[in-house]
C-alpha atoms as a PDB file:
ATOM      1  CA  UNK A   1     112.620  87.131  92.219  1.00  0.00           C
ATOM      2  CA  UNK A   2     110.096  89.823  93.134  1.00  0.00           C
ATOM      3  CA  UNK A   3     111.277  92.543  95.493  1.00  0.00           C
ATOM      4  CA  UNK A   4     108.712  93.482  98.160  1.00  0.00           C
ATOM      5  CA  UNK A   5     108.410  97.269  98.499  1.00  0.00           C
ATOM      6  CA  UNK A   6     106.597  98.276 101.693  1.00  0.00           C
ATOM      7  CA  UNK A   7     105.059 101.731 101.798  1.00  0.00           C
ATOM      8  CA  UNK A   8     103.143 103.727 104.360  1.00  0.00           C
ATOM      9  CA  UNK A   9     102.008 107.286 104.956  1.00  0.00           C
ATOM     10  CA  UNK A  10     100.989 109.125 108.092  1.00  0.00           C
ATOM     11  CA  UNK A  11      99.580 112.610 108.558  1.00  0.00           C
ATOM     12  CA  UNK A  12     103.127 113.984 108.588  1.00  0.00           C
ATOM     13  CA  UNK A  13     105.473 111.702 106.600  1.00  0.00           C
ATOM     14  CA  UNK A  14     105.977 108.986 103.985  1.00  0.00           C
ATOM     15  CA  UNK A  15     108.010 105.842 104.563  1.00  0.00           C
ATOM     16  CA  UNK A  16     109.276 103.144 102.202  1.00  0.00           C
ATOM     17  CA  UNK A  17     111.263  99.962 102.842  1.00  0.00           C
ATOM     18  CA  UNK A  18     112.819  97.981 100.008  1.00  0.00           C
ATOM     19  CA  UNK A  19     113.269  94.350 101.042  1.00  0.00           C
ATOM     20  CA  UNK A  20     114.615  91.103  99.647  1.00  0.00           C
ATOM     21  CA  UNK A  21     113.521  87.554 100.439  1.00  0.00           C
ATOM     22  CA  UNK A  22     116.357  85.037 100.645  1.00  0.00           C
ATOM     23  CA  UNK A  23     115.723  81.456 101.765  1.00  0.00           C
ATOM     24  CA  UNK A  24     112.305  82.505 103.058  1.00  0.00           C
ATOM     25  CA  UNK A  25     113.727  85.282 105.234  1.00  0.00           C
ATOM     26  CA  UNK A  26     112.805  88.876 104.420  1.00  0.00           C
ATOM     27  CA  UNK A  27     115.645  91.361 104.946  1.00  0.00           C
ATOM     28  CA  UNK A  28     115.626  95.128 104.390  1.00  0.00           C
ATOM     29  CA  UNK A  29     117.842  96.472 101.628  1.00  0.00           C
ATOM     30  CA  UNK A  30     117.141 100.187 102.007  1.00  0.00           C
ATOM     31  CA  UNK A  31     114.913 102.633 103.868  1.00  0.00           C
ATOM     32  CA  UNK A  32     113.581 106.011 102.751  1.00  0.00           C
ATOM     33  CA  UNK A  33     111.289 108.593 104.281  1.00  0.00           C
ATOM     34  CA  UNK A  34     110.354 112.208 103.909  1.00  0.00           C
ATOM     35  CA  UNK A  35     108.220 114.785 105.625  1.00  0.00           C
ATOM     36  CA  UNK A  36     104.979 115.881 103.962  1.00  0.00           C
ATOM     37  CA  UNK A  37     104.675 119.552 103.064  1.00  0.00           C
ATOM     38  CA  UNK A  38     101.656 121.511 104.400  1.00  0.00           C
ATOM     39  CA  UNK A  39      99.634 120.952 101.209  1.00  0.00           C
ATOM     40  CA  UNK A  40     100.293 117.194 101.228  1.00  0.00           C
ATOM     41  CA  UNK A  41      99.291 116.993 104.893  1.00  0.00           C
ATOM     42  CA  UNK A  42      95.777 118.001 103.830  1.00  0.00           C
ATOM     43  CA  UNK A  43      95.476 115.042 101.411  1.00  0.00           C
ATOM     44  CA  UNK A  44      92.960 112.315 102.183  1.00  0.00           C
ATOM     45  CA  UNK A  45      94.383 109.031 103.492  1.00  0.00           C
ATOM     46  CA  UNK A  46      94.118 107.251 100.126  1.00  0.00           C
ATOM     47  CA  UNK A  47      95.852 110.166  98.383  1.00  0.00           C
ATOM     48  CA  UNK A  48      98.734 110.088 100.891  1.00  0.00           C
ATOM     49  CA  UNK A  49      99.086 106.318 100.375  1.00  0.00           C
ATOM     50  CA  UNK A  50      99.175 106.823  96.582  1.00  0.00           C
ATOM     51  CA  UNK A  51     101.760 109.562  97.050  1.00  0.00           C
ATOM     52  CA  UNK A  52     103.883 107.131  99.097  1.00  0.00           C
ATOM     53  CA  UNK A  53     103.668 104.584  96.271  1.00  0.00           C
ATOM     54  CA  UNK A  54     104.603 107.135  93.593  1.00  0.00           C
ATOM     55  CA  UNK A  55     107.415 108.656  95.637  1.00  0.00           C
ATOM     56  CA  UNK A  56     108.775 105.268  96.733  1.00  0.00           C
ATOM     57  CA  UNK A  57     108.924 103.903  93.192  1.00  0.00           C
ATOM     58  CA  UNK A  58     110.636 107.075  91.961  1.00  0.00           C
ATOM     59  CA  UNK A  59     113.074 107.083  94.901  1.00  0.00           C
ATOM     60  CA  UNK A  60     114.097 103.444  94.363  1.00  0.00           C
ATOM     61  CA  UNK A  61     113.792 103.489  90.568  1.00  0.00           C
ATOM     62  CA  UNK A  62     117.373 102.302  90.023  1.00  0.00           C
ATOM     63  CA  UNK A  63     116.741  99.225  92.180  1.00  0.00           C
ATOM     64  CA  UNK A  64     113.351  98.529  90.582  1.00  0.00           C
ATOM     65  CA  UNK A  65     113.948  99.297  86.900  1.00  0.00           C
ATOM     66  CA  UNK A  66     113.598  96.104  84.881  1.00  0.00           C
ATOM     67  CA  UNK A  67     112.648  94.003  87.924  1.00  0.00           C
ATOM     68  CA  UNK A  68     109.379  92.548  89.105  1.00  0.00           C
ATOM     69  CA  UNK A  69     108.344  93.979  92.455  1.00  0.00           C
ATOM     70  CA  UNK A  70     105.373  93.739  94.777  1.00  0.00           C
ATOM     71  CA  UNK A  71     103.827  96.772  96.452  1.00  0.00           C
ATOM     72  CA  UNK A  72     102.888  96.148 100.075  1.00  0.00           C
ATOM     73  CA  UNK A  73     100.624  98.618 101.853  1.00  0.00           C
ATOM     74  CA  UNK A  74      98.160  98.516 104.720  1.00  0.00           C
ATOM     75  CA  UNK A  75      95.464 100.373 102.759  1.00  0.00           C
ATOM     76  CA  UNK A  76      92.725  98.273 101.085  1.00  0.00           C
ATOM     77  CA  UNK A  77      92.931  99.815  97.605  1.00  0.00           C
ATOM     78  CA  UNK A  78      90.288  98.844  95.105  1.00  0.00           C
ATOM     79  CA  UNK A  79      91.716  98.335  91.639  1.00  0.00           C
ATOM     80  CA  UNK A  80      89.532  99.203  88.669  1.00  0.00           C
ATOM     81  CA  UNK A  81      90.272  98.215  85.095  1.00  0.00           C
ATOM     82  CA  UNK A  82      88.847  99.787  81.979  1.00  0.00           C
ATOM     83  CA  UNK A  83      87.847  97.021  79.555  1.00  0.00           C
ATOM     84  CA  UNK A  84      86.576  99.279  76.752  1.00  0.00           C
ATOM     85  CA  UNK A  85      88.189  99.203  73.326  1.00  0.00           C
END
C-alpha cells in the first residue's frame, strides 16, 4: 500500500500531510508544518516546493522508511532523467 504524502509551500510556511487510503477513503495520519526563515522566504516557488518535499520526507522518515509512498503536490514539476552511461 502506497502512502500519499501531500506537500505544499507558501511564501511563509511549509505544510505536509501524511495520509492513508483504506477502503477507498483517504484519512490523515499526521500533519506537520513549519515557518520559513527569512532566507527561505526569498526562494523561488519551485525551490520552496522542493524544500517542502525534502523537509516532509525527513520529518516523516520513520513512517516512510521501507515503504512505498506517493508525493502529491500542486506544482507541475518536470522530471528529467540522465540516460548517459
